[in-house]
Amino acid sequence: MGRRREAKSRRLGDVLVEHGLITREERRAALRRQRETGGRLGEVLVREGILTRDQLNWALGDLLHIPYVQPDAAAIDAALFAAFPLDLLRRCEAVPMARAGDEVAVAMADPTDVQAVADLQAAARAQLRVALADAAAIHRALGALAERTTSPPRPRIVLPSRPGRALSPQAALADASGSAFLRFHLVHAVREGADEILIEPLGEAFRVRRRLHGRVLEEASYPASALDSVVVRLRLMAGMASSTDAVVEDAAATLEVGAQSFDLLVSVHRSPQGPGARMVIRRRGGTPWPLSKLGVDRGAAARLQRAVQASAGLIVVCGPGRSGCSTTLYALLRAASAPGRYLVTLEHAPTHYWAEATQLAAPSASYLPALRDLVRRPPDVLLAEGLHEREFWAAFGPHTLASTLLLGEMRGADAVSALGQLRDLGLSGTLLATSLRAIVAQRLVHPSALRGRTRGHRMVLACEVLAPDWEFRALLLAGAPLATLHEAAERSGMRSLAACAEAKAARGLVDPADAESLRAESLWNCSHS
């Protein structure tokens, strides 16, 4: 009882001042801002950079007389984790740490949540010893534990950092195992910065091509007699079954080249010409690009910067496959990052890796259940995929847009067409008018020959950014047709995909043929004729 009275008499600000984490003047200023803007004192201090999240959590633990811990998924017993329903742990933002006799130590983001403690205790069938942990650290640990307990360990492919000599057709034939062939092309692709290798049967021969900066480049051709051994060796390296009737098989492995580590996604297929394969190389670590590096013009970048600062709502990035949508989404996620904001990504497999966000991977079968669990206590910012599917919105719940900023990818020809898809999926005009912050539609186009279209030259981004103004929102509320919405979007400052490409072609950045192709493909040419 004495400790409880002491905790009630002490306040967070007192603890922070006592331990020298803030000054009395900083506390007074933060209390004034708290009265003006609302929220909790600790969040105000973190948001303004006076206090780190780690310092805040430590001080809260001191105030409540409970330890502040940092969960380590590698040190948590899998059997203890399996004793708790995963959806309960995610809902309560808790992770079991250890069992000692009749007690179970559990780390929680909010140890003062009496109902959550009771639910966890009922599931554990034991007394709980509660500790405090950061919510982001808890979700990272839960994601790692769920992956560890539901997925077999990935095969590891360890290669030297140098590819050695170029592989001749004769050497490919001499290596009956196919190992030298795969080693050479994987290491060569990593050194060149390629993100995909294609192995394609051509009857009497097969070819190898690689994708570099969005362009598919010819690599080499080899005798067809070596193809079977190459594909068999690739299946073994990726941990695939020895034989199957499936037309397409997928697997994942960890690729280590020297000191670098990558995810290797392998797809093997059968065709009348023979077997073929595709290897996607995804780099780990690093920081997403800033918006300024994408090649978006200043006006569009400013509109996007305002959009990601919204406390809640919807931002969509759309385009066909391989149009760079993931890179743009992560650039927006980086721009949305701020002290005190909890960022989560939910993808079938992460397309980028960034330590500032809690990244959750959910294969196809578990993606929608994971989404339902996540939105019970939604994060501040969520990056997700599959917004063009009705099942996504059934699991996400459109009402969540009132409390979360959703950054999502979908397939769409242009910004207004994507808006039409959202309507068809059941999002009402009222919901779109109140929650839509921006739609980015984009393509990757070829650079101009004037700028040296050499092998591997990086593709150029063409995009349009729709940021609704008051007129546009009024038209959404009224259920205006898409042609009317497109005209209003251009009045509000949106520059179309074709206009963006033409402007870059005029500056010598883009192939004029690509700009003309985008103009011809536009659904809205008739509205300007």
Protein backbone atom coordinates (compact mmCIF):
# COMPACT_ATOMS: atom_id res chain seq x y z
CA MET A 1 0.00 0.00 0.00
CA GLY A 2 2.86 2.38 0.80
CA ARG A 3 4.25 2.00 -2.73
CA ARG A 4 0.85 2.70 -4.27
CA ARG A 5 0.41 5.90 -2.23
CA GLU A 6 3.91 6.97 -3.22
CA ALA A 7 3.17 6.32 -6.92
CA LYS A 8 -0.02 8.37 -6.67
CA SER A 9 1.73 11.25 -4.97
CA ARG A 10 4.61 11.28 -7.46
CA ARG A 11 4.04 12.35 -11.01
CA LEU A 12 5.95 11.53 -14.17
CA GLY A 13 7.34 15.04 -14.37
CA ASP A 14 8.75 14.67 -10.83
CA VAL A 15 10.56 11.45 -11.76
CA LEU A 16 12.03 12.99 -14.90
CA VAL A 17 13.32 16.03 -12.99
CA GLU A 18 14.63 13.93 -10.08
CA HIS A 19 16.79 11.83 -12.40
CA GLY A 20 18.00 14.79 -14.45
CA LEU A 21 16.27 13.70 -17.64
CA ILE A 22 14.60 17.12 -18.02
CA THR A 23 14.92 20.48 -16.27
CA ARG A 24 12.17 22.18 -14.28
CA GLU A 25 11.89 24.80 -17.03
CA GLU A 26 11.40 22.08 -19.67
CA ARG A 27 8.71 20.47 -17.48
CA ARG A 28 6.84 23.78 -17.11
CA ALA A 29 7.03 24.45 -20.86
CA ALA A 30 5.86 20.90 -21.68
CA LEU A 31 2.93 21.19 -19.27
CA ARG A 32 1.86 24.41 -21.00
CA ARG A 33 2.01 22.68 -24.42
CA GLN A 34 0.12 19.71 -22.99
CA ARG A 35 -2.73 22.02 -21.88
CA GLU A 36 -2.77 23.60 -25.37
CA THR A 37 -2.61 20.44 -27.50
CA GLY A 38 -3.80 17.66 -25.17
CA GLY A 39 -2.19 14.23 -24.88
CA ARG A 40 0.18 12.91 -22.25
CA LEU A 41 3.16 14.78 -20.84
CA GLY A 42 5.62 12.05 -21.84
CA GLU A 43 4.38 12.02 -25.44
CA VAL A 44 4.76 15.81 -25.64
CA LEU A 45 8.38 15.55 -24.46
CA VAL A 46 9.18 12.72 -26.90
CA ARG A 47 7.45 14.47 -29.81
CA GLU A 48 9.55 17.59 -29.26
CA GLY A 49 12.80 15.64 -28.98
CA ILE A 50 13.48 16.57 -25.34
CA LEU A 51 13.17 12.95 -24.23
CA THR A 52 13.83 9.66 -26.02
CA ARG A 53 11.26 6.87 -26.04
CA ASP A 54 13.70 4.73 -24.05
CA GLN A 55 14.08 7.38 -21.35
CA LEU A 56 10.30 7.83 -21.12
CA ASN A 57 9.71 4.10 -20.65
CA TRP A 58 12.42 3.85 -18.02
CA ALA A 59 10.87 6.76 -16.09
CA LEU A 60 7.39 5.20 -16.29
CA GLY A 61 8.80 1.94 -14.92
CA ASP A 62 10.42 3.85 -12.04
CA LEU A 63 7.14 5.64 -11.33
CA LEU A 64 5.16 2.36 -11.27
CA HIS A 65 7.92 0.43 -9.44
CA ILE A 66 8.15 -2.20 -12.16
CA PRO A 67 11.19 -3.04 -14.30
CA TYR A 68 11.61 -1.67 -17.81
CA VAL A 69 12.82 -4.42 -20.18
CA GLN A 70 13.66 -4.87 -23.84
CA PRO A 71 12.24 -8.17 -25.16
CA ASP A 72 14.65 -10.41 -27.06
CA ALA A 73 12.81 -12.98 -29.18
CA ALA A 74 15.90 -15.21 -29.36
CA ALA A 75 15.91 -15.61 -25.54
CA ILE A 76 12.19 -16.46 -25.20
CA ASP A 77 11.20 -20.11 -24.90
CA ALA A 78 9.01 -21.22 -27.82
CA ALA A 79 6.87 -23.46 -25.56
CA LEU A 80 6.09 -20.52 -23.25
CA PHE A 81 5.16 -18.34 -26.22
CA ALA A 82 2.90 -21.09 -27.61
CA ALA A 83 0.99 -21.22 -24.29
CA PHE A 84 -0.62 -17.84 -25.11
CA PRO A 85 -2.97 -17.18 -28.07
CA LEU A 86 -1.14 -14.89 -30.49
CA ASP A 87 -4.18 -12.67 -31.05
CA LEU A 88 -4.42 -12.13 -27.26
CA LEU A 89 -0.76 -11.12 -27.05
CA ARG A 90 -1.16 -8.67 -29.93
CA ARG A 91 -4.38 -7.24 -28.50
CA CYS A 92 -2.82 -6.78 -25.05
CA GLU A 93 0.53 -5.67 -26.52
CA ALA A 94 2.35 -8.19 -24.36
CA VAL A 95 5.04 -10.85 -24.74
CA PRO A 96 5.85 -13.64 -22.22
CA MET A 97 9.47 -13.45 -21.09
CA ALA A 98 10.15 -16.38 -18.74
CA ARG A 99 8.56 -18.85 -16.30
CA ALA A 100 9.86 -19.27 -12.74
CA GLY A 101 7.96 -21.80 -10.66
CA ASP A 102 4.32 -20.68 -10.46
CA GLU A 103 5.01 -17.23 -11.92
CA VAL A 104 5.27 -16.02 -15.51
CA ALA A 105 7.08 -12.79 -16.33
CA VAL A 106 5.26 -10.82 -19.02
CA ALA A 107 6.36 -7.55 -20.66
CA MET A 108 3.51 -5.17 -21.49
CA ALA A 109 3.23 -1.81 -23.22
CA ASP A 110 0.60 -0.76 -20.65
CA PRO A 111 0.96 -2.67 -17.36
CA THR A 112 -1.82 -0.53 -15.82
CA ASP A 113 -4.44 -2.14 -18.12
CA VAL A 114 -6.24 -4.24 -15.49
CA GLN A 115 -8.40 -6.12 -18.00
CA ALA A 116 -5.39 -7.06 -20.15
CA VAL A 117 -3.51 -8.34 -17.09
CA ALA A 118 -6.53 -10.44 -16.08
CA ASP A 119 -6.86 -11.91 -19.61
CA LEU A 120 -3.17 -12.80 -19.73
CA GLN A 121 -3.27 -14.34 -16.27
CA ALA A 122 -6.23 -16.51 -17.26
CA ALA A 123 -4.38 -17.70 -20.36
CA ALA A 124 -1.19 -18.41 -18.39
CA ARG A 125 -3.01 -20.19 -15.53
CA ALA A 126 -0.33 -18.75 -13.28
CA GLN A 127 0.53 -15.58 -11.38
CA LEU A 128 1.94 -12.80 -13.54
CA ARG A 129 5.00 -10.73 -12.81
CA VAL A 130 4.53 -7.69 -15.02
CA ALA A 131 7.28 -5.59 -16.63
CA LEU A 132 7.13 -2.55 -18.91
CA ALA A 133 8.37 -2.64 -22.51
CA ASP A 134 8.10 -0.38 -25.55
CA ALA A 135 5.13 -1.21 -27.80
CA ALA A 136 7.29 -1.27 -30.94
CA ALA A 137 9.77 -3.69 -29.32
CA ILE A 138 6.89 -5.97 -28.25
CA HIS A 139 5.45 -6.13 -31.78
CA ARG A 140 8.90 -6.85 -33.23
CA ALA A 141 9.38 -9.70 -30.74
CA LEU A 142 5.92 -11.11 -31.47
CA GLY A 143 6.57 -11.01 -35.21
CA ALA A 144 9.91 -12.79 -34.81
CA LEU A 145 8.43 -15.41 -32.47
CA ALA A 146 5.46 -16.06 -34.74
CA GLU A 147 7.76 -16.53 -37.74
CA ARG A 148 10.10 -18.79 -35.75
CA THR A 149 7.31 -21.05 -34.52
CA THR A 150 5.29 -21.29 -37.74
CA SER A 151 7.98 -21.39 -40.42
CA PRO A 152 10.82 -23.87 -40.86
CA PRO A 153 14.27 -22.29 -40.83
CA ARG A 154 15.33 -20.87 -44.19
CA PRO A 155 18.17 -22.50 -46.09
CA ARG A 156 21.42 -20.46 -46.06
CA ILE A 157 23.40 -19.99 -49.25
CA VAL A 158 26.91 -18.75 -48.43
CA LEU A 159 29.05 -17.52 -51.34
CA PRO A 160 32.38 -15.70 -51.70
CA SER A 161 32.27 -12.03 -52.61
CA ARG A 162 33.99 -12.48 -55.99
CA PRO A 163 32.28 -14.23 -58.93
CA GLY A 164 35.51 -15.52 -60.48
CA ARG A 165 35.86 -15.87 -64.25
CA ALA A 166 32.96 -15.31 -66.60
CA LEU A 167 31.18 -18.63 -67.12
CA SER A 168 31.52 -19.95 -70.65
CA PRO A 169 29.06 -22.42 -72.25
CA GLN A 170 31.80 -25.04 -72.08
CA ALA A 171 32.25 -24.50 -68.32
CA ALA A 172 28.48 -24.73 -67.83
CA LEU A 173 28.50 -28.12 -69.53
CA ALA A 174 31.55 -29.29 -67.58
CA ASP A 175 29.93 -28.58 -64.19
CA ALA A 176 27.35 -31.36 -64.06
CA SER A 177 26.04 -30.25 -60.65
CA GLY A 178 25.05 -26.72 -61.73
CA SER A 179 26.73 -25.25 -58.62
CA ALA A 180 29.39 -23.21 -60.43
CA PHE A 181 26.73 -21.76 -62.72
CA LEU A 182 24.51 -20.56 -59.88
CA ARG A 183 27.42 -19.29 -57.78
CA PHE A 184 28.74 -17.20 -60.65
CA HIS A 185 25.40 -15.59 -61.60
CA LEU A 186 24.30 -14.89 -58.00
CA VAL A 187 27.57 -13.23 -57.02
CA HIS A 188 27.70 -11.30 -60.32
CA ALA A 189 24.12 -10.03 -59.80
CA VAL A 190 24.93 -8.88 -56.26
CA ARG A 191 28.09 -7.06 -57.40
CA GLU A 192 26.20 -5.33 -60.23
CA GLY A 193 23.34 -4.31 -57.95
CA ALA A 194 20.74 -6.35 -59.87
CA ASP A 195 17.56 -7.35 -58.06
CA GLU A 196 16.40 -10.27 -60.23
CA ILE A 197 17.82 -13.16 -62.27
CA LEU A 198 15.71 -14.88 -64.95
CA ILE A 199 16.53 -18.35 -66.33
CA GLU A 200 14.45 -18.96 -69.49
CA PRO A 201 14.35 -22.05 -71.76
CA LEU A 202 14.58 -21.36 -75.52
CA GLY A 203 14.41 -24.84 -77.05
CA GLU A 204 18.00 -25.64 -78.12
CA ALA A 205 19.44 -23.26 -75.51
CA PHE A 206 18.50 -21.31 -72.42
CA ARG A 207 19.30 -17.72 -71.53
CA VAL A 208 20.06 -15.83 -68.35
CA ARG A 209 18.89 -12.25 -67.95
CA ARG A 210 19.02 -9.89 -64.99
CA ARG A 211 16.89 -6.94 -63.96
CA LEU A 212 18.90 -3.85 -63.05
CA HIS A 213 17.27 -0.51 -62.09
CA GLY A 214 13.96 -1.66 -63.57
CA ARG A 215 15.37 -2.80 -66.94
CA VAL A 216 15.81 -6.41 -68.08
CA LEU A 217 19.31 -6.90 -69.53
CA GLU A 218 20.69 -9.80 -71.56
CA GLU A 219 23.36 -11.78 -69.72
CA ALA A 220 24.32 -14.94 -71.62
CA SER A 221 23.04 -18.07 -73.41
CA TYR A 222 23.96 -21.66 -72.60
CA PRO A 223 23.30 -25.11 -74.10
CA ALA A 224 19.93 -26.58 -73.14
CA SER A 225 21.65 -29.78 -71.96
CA ALA A 226 22.86 -27.94 -68.82
CA LEU A 227 19.43 -26.56 -67.87
CA ASP A 228 18.06 -29.54 -65.91
CA SER A 229 21.11 -29.79 -63.64
CA VAL A 230 20.98 -26.02 -62.95
CA VAL A 231 17.29 -26.10 -61.97
CA VAL A 232 17.72 -29.24 -59.83
CA ARG A 233 20.64 -27.62 -57.98
CA LEU A 234 18.61 -24.42 -57.47
CA ARG A 235 15.72 -26.45 -56.01
CA LEU A 236 18.12 -28.11 -53.56
CA MET A 237 19.69 -24.79 -52.56
CA ALA A 238 16.25 -23.26 -51.91
CA GLY A 239 15.02 -26.27 -49.91
CA MET A 240 12.26 -27.29 -52.35
CA ALA A 241 10.77 -30.78 -52.50
CA SER A 242 12.66 -33.18 -54.76
CA SER A 243 9.68 -33.73 -57.08
CA THR A 244 6.22 -32.25 -57.47
CA ASP A 245 3.44 -31.85 -60.02
CA ALA A 246 3.05 -28.12 -59.37
CA VAL A 247 3.48 -25.85 -62.39
CA VAL A 248 5.01 -23.08 -60.24
CA GLU A 249 6.84 -23.53 -56.92
CA ASP A 250 8.07 -20.79 -54.58
CA ALA A 251 10.64 -20.87 -51.78
CA ALA A 252 12.78 -18.44 -49.80
CA ALA A 253 16.40 -18.66 -48.66
CA THR A 254 19.01 -16.44 -47.02
CA LEU A 255 21.81 -15.45 -49.39
CA GLU A 256 25.13 -14.37 -47.90
CA VAL A 257 27.75 -12.94 -50.23
CA GLY A 258 30.85 -11.95 -48.30
CA ALA A 259 29.66 -9.77 -45.40
CA GLN A 260 26.35 -8.90 -47.10
CA SER A 261 23.05 -10.64 -46.34
CA PHE A 262 20.03 -10.84 -48.65
CA ASP A 263 16.64 -12.51 -48.94
CA LEU A 264 16.53 -14.76 -52.00
CA LEU A 265 13.02 -15.53 -53.28
CA VAL A 266 13.11 -18.44 -55.71
CA SER A 267 10.36 -19.39 -58.17
CA VAL A 268 10.71 -22.50 -60.39
CA HIS A 269 8.23 -23.26 -63.19
CA ARG A 270 7.60 -25.87 -65.87
CA SER A 271 6.84 -25.01 -69.51
CA PRO A 272 6.67 -26.96 -72.81
CA GLN A 273 10.19 -25.69 -73.64
CA GLY A 274 11.59 -26.94 -70.32
CA PRO A 275 12.04 -25.76 -66.73
CA GLY A 276 12.74 -22.12 -65.88
CA ALA A 277 13.40 -20.07 -62.78
CA ARG A 278 13.30 -16.59 -61.32
CA MET A 279 15.44 -15.40 -58.41
CA VAL A 280 14.58 -12.13 -56.65
CA ILE A 281 17.33 -10.60 -54.50
CA ARG A 282 16.18 -8.29 -51.71
CA ARG A 283 18.72 -6.31 -49.78
CA ARG A 284 18.47 -6.00 -46.01
CA GLY A 285 19.08 -2.89 -43.95
CA GLY A 286 19.55 0.66 -45.16
CA THR A 287 17.29 3.66 -45.04
CA PRO A 288 14.35 4.35 -47.39
CA TRP A 289 14.92 7.09 -49.93
CA PRO A 290 13.78 10.61 -49.05
CA LEU A 291 10.96 12.00 -51.18
CA SER A 292 13.40 14.41 -52.80
CA LYS A 293 15.43 11.52 -54.28
CA LEU A 294 12.48 9.91 -56.06
CA GLY A 295 12.41 12.52 -58.82
CA VAL A 296 9.06 14.02 -57.76
CA ASP A 297 8.74 17.73 -58.60
CA ARG A 298 8.81 20.23 -55.75
CA GLY A 299 5.10 21.00 -55.78
CA ALA A 300 4.09 17.33 -55.65
CA ALA A 301 6.71 16.62 -52.96
CA ALA A 302 5.33 19.46 -50.83
CA ARG A 303 1.78 18.07 -51.17
CA LEU A 304 2.97 14.62 -50.15
CA GLN A 305 4.93 16.03 -47.20
CA ARG A 306 1.72 17.70 -45.93
CA ALA A 307 -0.26 14.50 -46.51
CA VAL A 308 2.03 12.28 -44.39
CA GLN A 309 1.87 14.74 -41.50
CA ALA A 310 -1.87 14.04 -41.09
CA SER A 311 -2.72 12.18 -37.89
CA ALA A 312 -4.99 9.75 -39.76
CA GLY A 313 -6.36 9.02 -43.22
CA LEU A 314 -5.48 7.25 -46.46
CA ILE A 315 -2.54 7.63 -48.89
CA VAL A 316 -2.49 5.31 -51.91
CA VAL A 317 0.39 4.54 -54.29
CA CYS A 318 -0.74 2.79 -57.47
CA GLY A 319 0.66 1.54 -60.75
CA PRO A 320 1.25 -1.69 -62.66
CA GLY A 321 3.67 -4.32 -61.41
CA ARG A 322 7.33 -3.22 -61.25
CA SER A 323 6.54 0.48 -61.32
CA GLY A 324 8.48 1.26 -58.13
CA CYS A 325 5.45 1.55 -55.83
CA SER A 326 7.23 -0.08 -52.88
CA THR A 327 10.11 2.41 -53.05
CA THR A 328 7.65 5.31 -53.03
CA LEU A 329 5.66 3.81 -50.15
CA TYR A 330 8.77 3.48 -47.99
CA ALA A 331 9.82 7.03 -48.87
CA LEU A 332 6.40 8.17 -47.61
CA LEU A 333 6.83 6.03 -44.49
CA ARG A 334 10.17 7.69 -43.83
CA ALA A 335 8.59 11.14 -44.30
CA ALA A 336 5.79 10.16 -41.87
CA SER A 337 8.28 9.16 -39.18
CA ALA A 338 8.34 11.49 -36.18
CA PRO A 339 9.15 11.19 -32.46
CA GLY A 340 6.24 9.55 -30.65
CA ARG A 341 4.78 7.92 -33.79
CA TYR A 342 4.44 4.13 -33.91
CA LEU A 343 5.10 2.85 -37.46
CA VAL A 344 4.19 -0.69 -38.61
CA THR A 345 4.53 -2.42 -41.99
CA LEU A 346 2.50 -5.53 -42.87
CA GLU A 347 3.54 -7.32 -46.07
CA HIS A 348 3.63 -10.85 -47.37
CA ALA A 349 7.43 -10.43 -47.36
CA PRO A 350 9.16 -7.12 -46.60
CA THR A 351 10.25 -5.35 -49.78
CA HIS A 352 12.57 -3.06 -47.80
CA TYR A 353 14.10 -3.31 -44.32
CA TRP A 354 14.10 -0.35 -41.97
CA ALA A 355 14.85 -0.47 -38.24
CA GLU A 356 12.67 2.57 -37.42
CA ALA A 357 9.46 0.62 -38.18
CA THR A 358 8.00 -2.58 -36.74
CA GLN A 359 7.98 -4.84 -39.79
CA LEU A 360 5.60 -7.80 -39.84
CA ALA A 361 5.74 -10.52 -42.50
CA ALA A 362 2.60 -12.58 -43.08
CA PRO A 363 2.38 -15.18 -45.89
CA SER A 364 -0.78 -15.19 -47.99
CA ALA A 365 -2.79 -17.51 -45.73
CA SER A 366 -2.12 -15.50 -42.56
CA TYR A 367 -2.07 -11.96 -44.01
CA LEU A 368 -5.72 -11.08 -43.40
CA PRO A 369 -5.88 -12.63 -39.88
CA ALA A 370 -2.73 -10.67 -38.98
CA LEU A 371 -4.35 -7.50 -40.30
CA ARG A 372 -7.47 -8.10 -38.19
CA ASP A 373 -5.33 -8.61 -35.07
CA LEU A 374 -3.29 -5.49 -35.79
CA VAL A 375 -6.19 -3.08 -36.20
CA ARG A 376 -7.71 -4.00 -32.84
CA ARG A 377 -5.11 -1.61 -31.47
CA PRO A 378 -4.04 0.14 -34.66
CA PRO A 379 -0.63 1.83 -34.96
CA ASP A 380 -0.21 5.51 -35.76
CA VAL A 381 1.02 4.70 -39.29
CA LEU A 382 0.47 1.42 -41.15
CA LEU A 383 2.05 0.45 -44.48
CA ALA A 384 0.11 -2.38 -46.15
CA GLU A 385 -0.51 -3.99 -49.53
CA GLY A 386 -3.54 -5.32 -51.38
CA LEU A 387 -5.84 -2.29 -51.09
CA HIS A 388 -7.40 -3.24 -54.45
CA GLU A 389 -8.94 -6.37 -52.85
CA ARG A 390 -12.34 -6.35 -51.16
CA GLU A 391 -11.08 -8.80 -48.51
CA PHE A 392 -8.51 -6.23 -47.37
CA TRP A 393 -11.18 -3.68 -46.43
CA ALA A 394 -13.31 -6.35 -44.73
CA ALA A 395 -10.33 -7.17 -42.48
CA PHE A 396 -9.05 -3.61 -42.03
CA GLY A 397 -12.38 -1.91 -41.34
CA PRO A 398 -12.66 1.49 -43.08
CA HIS A 399 -13.50 3.12 -39.72
CA THR A 400 -9.85 2.55 -38.73
CA LEU A 401 -8.94 5.44 -41.06
CA ALA A 402 -10.19 7.75 -38.31
CA SER A 403 -7.29 6.75 -36.04
CA THR A 404 -4.52 5.47 -38.35
CA LEU A 405 -2.65 6.88 -41.33
CA LEU A 406 -2.76 4.04 -43.89
CA LEU A 407 -0.10 3.96 -46.61
CA GLY A 408 -1.19 1.36 -49.13
CA GLU A 409 -0.34 -0.08 -52.53
CA MET A 410 -2.87 -1.04 -55.17
CA ARG A 411 -3.03 -1.67 -58.89
CA GLY A 412 -4.39 1.24 -60.92
CA ALA A 413 -3.81 2.99 -64.24
CA ASP A 414 -3.89 6.50 -62.76
CA ALA A 415 -4.96 8.37 -59.63
CA VAL A 416 -8.62 8.94 -60.52
CA SER A 417 -9.04 5.36 -61.79
CA ALA A 418 -7.68 4.12 -58.44
CA LEU A 419 -10.25 6.33 -56.73
CA GLY A 420 -12.95 4.65 -58.84
CA GLN A 421 -11.71 1.24 -57.67
CA LEU A 422 -11.97 2.35 -54.05
CA ARG A 423 -15.57 3.39 -54.69
CA ASP A 424 -16.31 0.00 -56.28
CA LEU A 425 -14.84 -1.71 -53.21
CA GLY A 426 -17.50 -0.07 -51.04
CA LEU A 427 -15.71 3.01 -49.64
CA SER A 428 -18.38 5.67 -49.46
CA GLY A 429 -18.09 9.21 -50.79
CA THR A 430 -18.30 10.52 -47.23
CA LEU A 431 -15.46 8.28 -46.06
CA LEU A 432 -13.25 9.20 -49.03
CA ALA A 433 -14.00 12.90 -48.68
CA THR A 434 -13.00 12.91 -45.02
CA SER A 435 -10.06 10.47 -45.05
CA LEU A 436 -8.31 10.63 -48.45
CA ARG A 437 -5.01 12.52 -48.15
CA ALA A 438 -3.29 11.71 -51.46
CA ILE A 439 -3.10 9.25 -54.36
CA VAL A 440 0.19 8.76 -56.23
CA ALA A 441 0.06 7.05 -59.64
CA GLN A 442 3.40 6.23 -61.23
CA ARG A 443 5.41 4.50 -63.96
CA LEU A 444 9.09 3.81 -64.55
CA VAL A 445 10.13 5.09 -67.98
CA HIS A 446 13.34 4.80 -69.97
CA PRO A 447 15.96 7.54 -69.70
CA SER A 448 16.70 9.64 -72.76
CA ALA A 449 19.37 8.47 -75.22
CA LEU A 450 20.80 11.98 -74.91
CA ARG A 451 21.78 11.15 -71.33
CA GLY A 452 23.60 7.98 -72.33
CA ARG A 453 21.16 5.06 -72.20
CA THR A 454 23.87 2.58 -71.38
CA ARG A 455 23.46 -0.87 -69.91
CA GLY A 456 22.03 -0.68 -66.41
CA HIS A 457 21.12 3.03 -66.53
CA ARG A 458 18.49 3.75 -63.90
CA MET A 459 14.86 4.12 -65.01
CA VAL A 460 13.15 7.49 -64.40
CA LEU A 461 9.98 8.01 -62.36
CA ALA A 462 6.93 9.63 -63.93
CA CYS A 463 4.09 10.25 -61.50
CA GLU A 464 0.94 12.21 -60.77
CA VAL A 465 -0.05 13.28 -57.27
CA LEU A 466 -3.71 13.86 -56.44
CA ALA A 467 -4.09 15.80 -53.17
CA PRO A 468 -7.79 16.65 -52.71
CA ASP A 469 -8.77 20.27 -52.11
CA TRP A 470 -12.13 21.48 -50.81
CA GLU A 471 -13.73 21.50 -54.28
CA PHE A 472 -12.60 17.93 -54.91
CA ARG A 473 -13.89 16.77 -51.52
CA ALA A 474 -17.26 18.36 -52.21
CA LEU A 475 -17.47 16.47 -55.51
CA LEU A 476 -16.62 13.22 -53.70
CA LEU A 477 -19.44 13.85 -51.24
CA ALA A 478 -21.83 14.49 -54.14
CA GLY A 479 -20.79 11.25 -55.92
CA ALA A 480 -19.51 13.07 -59.02
CA PRO A 481 -18.46 10.94 -62.04
CA LEU A 482 -14.79 10.16 -62.53
CA ALA A 483 -14.38 12.45 -65.57
CA THR A 484 -15.59 15.38 -63.46
CA LEU A 485 -13.22 14.38 -60.66
CA HIS A 486 -10.29 14.21 -63.10
CA GLU A 487 -10.97 17.75 -64.33
CA ALA A 488 -11.21 18.98 -60.71
CA ALA A 489 -7.95 17.21 -59.84
CA GLU A 490 -6.11 19.01 -62.64
CA ARG A 491 -7.62 22.34 -61.50
CA SER A 492 -6.29 21.60 -58.01
CA GLY A 493 -2.73 21.33 -59.33
CA MET A 494 -2.34 17.65 -60.30
CA ARG A 495 -0.01 17.17 -63.25
CA SER A 496 -0.88 13.99 -65.15
CA LEU A 497 1.48 11.07 -65.74
CA ALA A 498 1.80 12.02 -69.42
CA ALA A 499 2.44 15.69 -68.64
CA CYS A 500 5.11 14.71 -66.10
CA ALA A 501 6.86 12.44 -68.63
CA GLU A 502 6.63 15.11 -71.36
CA ALA A 503 8.15 17.73 -69.05
CA LYS A 504 11.06 15.40 -68.30
CA ALA A 505 11.43 14.58 -72.01
CA ALA A 506 11.67 18.32 -72.76
CA ARG A 507 14.55 18.51 -70.24
CA GLY A 508 16.31 15.57 -71.91
CA LEU A 509 15.70 13.18 -69.01
CA VAL A 510 13.15 10.80 -70.55
CA ASP A 511 12.81 9.02 -73.88
CA PRO A 512 10.18 11.04 -75.85
CA ALA A 513 8.68 7.78 -77.16
CA ASP A 514 7.82 6.74 -73.60
CA ALA A 515 6.21 10.11 -72.92
CA GLU A 516 4.11 9.80 -76.08
CA SER A 517 3.14 6.25 -75.10
CA LEU A 518 1.83 7.46 -71.72
CA ARG A 519 -0.20 10.17 -73.46
CA ALA A 520 -1.73 7.60 -75.84
CA GLU A 521 -2.61 5.23 -72.97
CA SER A 522 -4.38 7.89 -70.90
CA LEU A 523 -8.05 7.22 -70.20
CA TRP A 524 -8.73 10.96 -70.14
CA ASN A 525 -7.63 12.05 -73.62
CA CYS A 526 -11.24 12.34 -74.69
CA SER A 527 -11.92 14.91 -71.97
CA HIS A 528 -9.34 17.25 -73.57
CA SER A 529 -10.27 16.73 -77.22
